[in-house]
Amino acid sequence: MRKFEIHDLDVNAFVAELNNCTGQVWMTTDEGDRINLMSAFCRIVGLMSIVQGGTLSHAMIECENLEDESRLFRLNLYGKVEEK
């Protein structure tokens, strides 16, 4: 599993894409916390720690599934994900 950084990402779009993920997705905060974003409770707690003005300020994302990684990376890069 590889990690990639997210910056200034729309929270609603990110959560919508998380709902499409099939494997585990973890977020590592600057403080070193590793949060499982596939758990609704952990997602709320984790996202609250990095949301600033409706966008995700900065975090490291790690995906179990390569397709999930590609989906979230494209969202971070382009701001949207093209549907197949």
Protein backbone atom coordinates (compact mmCIF):
# COMPACT_ATOMS: atom_id res chain seq x y z
CA MET A 1 0.00 0.00 0.00
CA ARG A 2 1.24 3.45 -0.91
CA LYS A 3 0.38 6.73 0.71
CA PHE A 4 -0.48 9.96 -1.07
CA GLU A 5 -1.25 13.45 0.20
CA ILE A 6 -4.52 15.26 -0.20
CA HIS A 7 -4.76 19.05 -0.13
CA ASP A 8 -7.67 21.49 -0.29
CA LEU A 9 -10.21 18.83 -1.26
CA ASP A 10 -13.99 19.34 -1.15
CA VAL A 11 -15.35 17.39 1.84
CA ASN A 12 -18.64 16.39 0.19
CA ALA A 13 -16.92 15.08 -2.94
CA PHE A 14 -14.38 13.18 -0.85
CA VAL A 15 -17.07 11.52 1.30
CA ALA A 16 -19.06 10.62 -1.83
CA GLU A 17 -15.99 8.90 -3.30
CA LEU A 18 -15.27 7.13 0.00
CA ASN A 19 -18.75 5.62 -0.27
CA ASN A 20 -17.71 4.11 -3.63
CA CYS A 21 -14.54 2.51 -2.23
CA THR A 22 -14.53 -1.28 -1.82
CA GLY A 23 -11.46 -1.76 0.39
CA GLN A 24 -10.16 -0.16 3.56
CA VAL A 25 -9.03 3.48 3.38
CA TRP A 26 -6.94 5.07 6.10
CA MET A 27 -6.07 8.69 6.78
CA THR A 28 -2.92 9.64 8.68
CA THR A 29 -2.99 13.08 10.27
CA ASP A 30 -0.02 15.35 10.91
CA GLU A 31 -0.20 14.25 14.57
CA GLY A 32 0.33 10.61 13.51
CA ASP A 33 -3.23 9.37 14.07
CA ARG A 34 -4.27 6.60 11.65
CA ILE A 35 -8.02 6.69 11.06
CA ASN A 36 -10.09 4.08 9.20
CA LEU A 37 -12.29 6.16 6.89
CA MET A 38 -14.57 3.22 6.08
CA SER A 39 -16.00 3.42 9.61
CA ALA A 40 -18.70 6.12 9.77
CA PHE A 41 -17.79 7.12 13.33
CA CYS A 42 -14.05 7.26 12.63
CA ARG A 43 -14.74 9.20 9.42
CA ILE A 44 -16.62 11.91 11.34
CA VAL A 45 -13.95 12.21 14.01
CA GLY A 46 -11.09 12.11 11.51
CA LEU A 47 -12.51 14.58 9.03
CA MET A 48 -13.43 17.05 11.76
CA SER A 49 -9.75 17.28 12.66
CA ILE A 50 -8.64 18.44 9.19
CA VAL A 51 -11.63 20.34 7.75
CA GLN A 52 -11.11 24.06 7.30
CA GLY A 53 -13.77 26.14 5.55
CA GLY A 54 -15.48 23.20 3.83
CA THR A 55 -12.27 21.69 2.44
CA LEU A 56 -9.87 19.06 3.70
CA SER A 57 -6.70 20.97 4.47
CA HIS A 58 -4.05 18.23 4.46
CA ALA A 59 -3.74 14.52 5.21
CA MET A 60 -2.07 11.34 4.02
CA ILE A 61 -4.34 8.68 2.49
CA GLU A 62 -3.57 4.97 2.24
CA CYS A 63 -5.81 2.51 0.39
CA GLU A 64 -5.99 -1.26 0.58
CA ASN A 65 -7.43 -1.49 -2.96
CA LEU A 66 -5.52 -0.05 -5.94
CA GLU A 67 -8.77 1.03 -7.66
CA ASP A 68 -9.78 3.01 -4.56
CA GLU A 69 -6.36 4.64 -4.50
CA SER A 70 -6.69 5.61 -8.16
CA ARG A 71 -10.21 7.02 -7.61
CA LEU A 72 -9.23 9.15 -4.61
CA PHE A 73 -5.96 10.27 -6.21
CA ARG A 74 -7.82 11.48 -9.32
CA LEU A 75 -10.33 13.30 -7.13
CA ASN A 76 -7.47 15.04 -5.34
CA LEU A 77 -5.72 15.89 -8.61
CA TYR A 78 -8.67 16.96 -10.77
CA GLY A 79 -11.42 17.74 -8.25
CA LYS A 80 -13.79 15.14 -9.73
CA VAL A 81 -13.84 11.52 -10.79
CA GLU A 82 -14.92 10.49 -14.28
CA GLU A 83 -17.58 7.77 -14.21
CA LYS A 84 -17.05 4.72 -16.40
